Amino acid sequence: MSNSPSDLDTPPFEDVLFSFVCGVMLILVFCFIAKFSFVPAQSKGESVIDTERQLLLAEVKEEAYLNMHTYALVNKDKKIYQVPVQRAMELVVEQYQNKK
């Protein structure tokens, strides 16, 4: 039973197959760990909170828009009125021009 140089250089098929399977398994384990470690989990509770935040944000934006674009009586006794921003800027310019 002589060992030729070609027999010693080539590993048996089982060793190559085992190495390949181990390599594929390591890659799959790495992908599994990466997916669950770096991607935040979102439960149903979090999506409800996100929806509530979006609704609250919409309400705040609507209120801000109304405050900037509508007339209103803030305090009747002190004669404080809410004026749209554009109109308030026009009034300030008029007052400044009248003082000159």
Protein backbone atom coordinates (compact mmCIF):
# COMPACT_ATOMS: atom_id res chain seq x y z
CA MET A 1 0.00 0.00 0.00
CA SER A 2 1.99 2.90 -1.30
CA ASN A 3 0.95 6.47 -0.88
CA SER A 4 1.41 8.38 -4.04
CA PRO A 5 1.91 12.18 -3.88
CA SER A 6 -1.47 12.79 -5.53
CA ASP A 7 -3.30 10.83 -2.80
CA LEU A 8 -1.65 12.87 -0.03
CA ASP A 9 -2.45 16.26 -1.62
CA THR A 10 -6.20 15.68 -2.06
CA PRO A 11 -8.30 15.55 1.10
CA PRO A 12 -11.03 12.92 1.26
CA PHE A 13 -14.44 13.93 -0.06
CA GLU A 14 -16.01 13.66 3.41
CA ASP A 15 -13.59 16.27 4.81
CA VAL A 16 -14.37 18.72 1.99
CA LEU A 17 -18.10 18.19 2.40
CA PHE A 18 -17.87 18.63 6.17
CA SER A 19 -15.89 21.87 5.78
CA PHE A 20 -18.40 23.20 3.25
CA VAL A 21 -21.40 22.37 5.46
CA CYS A 22 -19.70 23.95 8.48
CA GLY A 23 -18.95 27.09 6.49
CA VAL A 24 -22.55 27.41 5.32
CA MET A 25 -23.81 26.86 8.87
CA LEU A 26 -21.50 29.57 10.23
CA ILE A 27 -22.75 32.03 7.62
CA LEU A 28 -26.38 31.23 8.46
CA VAL A 29 -25.76 31.60 12.20
CA PHE A 30 -24.05 34.95 11.60
CA CYS A 31 -26.99 36.18 9.49
CA PHE A 32 -29.48 35.03 12.13
CA ILE A 33 -27.59 36.83 14.91
CA ALA A 34 -27.17 39.97 12.81
CA LYS A 35 -30.87 40.12 11.95
CA PHE A 36 -32.10 39.86 15.52
CA SER A 37 -29.32 41.92 17.08
CA PHE A 38 -29.32 44.98 14.84
CA VAL A 39 -32.93 45.20 13.66
CA PRO A 40 -35.19 46.55 16.38
CA ALA A 41 -38.27 44.47 16.99
CA GLN A 42 -41.56 46.29 16.61
CA SER A 43 -44.47 44.86 18.47
CA LYS A 44 -48.14 45.70 18.02
CA GLY A 45 -47.97 47.94 21.08
CA GLU A 46 -45.29 50.08 19.50
CA SER A 47 -47.29 50.52 16.31
CA VAL A 48 -50.26 51.71 18.40
CA ILE A 49 -47.99 54.24 20.10
CA ASP A 50 -46.70 55.41 16.71
CA THR A 51 -50.27 55.88 15.51
CA GLU A 52 -51.16 57.85 18.64
CA ARG A 53 -48.09 60.05 18.16
CA GLN A 54 -49.02 60.70 14.55
CA LEU A 55 -52.55 61.70 15.59
CA LEU A 56 -51.18 63.97 18.31
CA LEU A 57 -48.76 65.53 15.84
CA ALA A 58 -51.61 66.19 13.40
CA GLU A 59 -53.62 67.89 16.17
CA VAL A 60 -50.67 70.06 17.19
CA LYS A 61 -49.99 71.07 13.58
CA GLU A 62 -53.65 71.96 13.05
CA GLU A 63 -53.71 74.05 16.22
CA ALA A 64 -50.50 75.83 15.20
CA TYR A 65 -51.91 76.54 11.75
CA LEU A 66 -55.10 77.97 13.24
CA ASN A 67 -53.12 80.11 15.67
CA MET A 68 -51.07 81.55 12.83
CA HIS A 69 -53.88 82.11 10.32
CA THR A 70 -57.06 83.08 12.20
CA TYR A 71 -58.48 85.97 14.18
CA ALA A 72 -59.61 85.36 17.76
CA LEU A 73 -60.45 87.18 20.97
CA VAL A 74 -57.94 86.10 23.61
CA ASN A 75 -58.96 88.33 26.55
CA LYS A 76 -61.90 90.72 26.29
CA ASP A 77 -61.13 92.67 29.48
CA LYS A 78 -57.52 93.37 28.50
CA LYS A 79 -58.46 93.79 24.82
CA ILE A 80 -56.04 91.12 23.62
CA TYR A 81 -56.72 89.79 20.16
CA GLN A 82 -55.15 87.07 18.07
CA VAL A 83 -54.24 88.24 14.57
CA PRO A 84 -52.85 86.18 11.69
CA VAL A 85 -49.08 86.51 11.35
CA GLN A 86 -49.23 88.06 7.88
CA ARG A 87 -51.70 90.73 9.01
CA ALA A 88 -49.66 91.41 12.16
CA MET A 89 -46.56 92.05 10.04
CA GLU A 90 -48.56 94.44 7.84
CA LEU A 91 -49.81 96.33 10.92
CA VAL A 92 -46.28 96.65 12.32
CA VAL A 93 -45.03 98.04 9.01
CA GLU A 94 -47.91 100.53 8.90
CA GLN A 95 -47.21 101.68 12.46
CA TYR A 96 -43.51 102.05 11.72
CA GLN A 97 -44.23 104.09 8.56
CA ASN A 98 -46.69 106.36 10.42
CA LYS A 99 -44.06 107.20 13.05
CA LYS A 100 -41.67 108.62 10.43
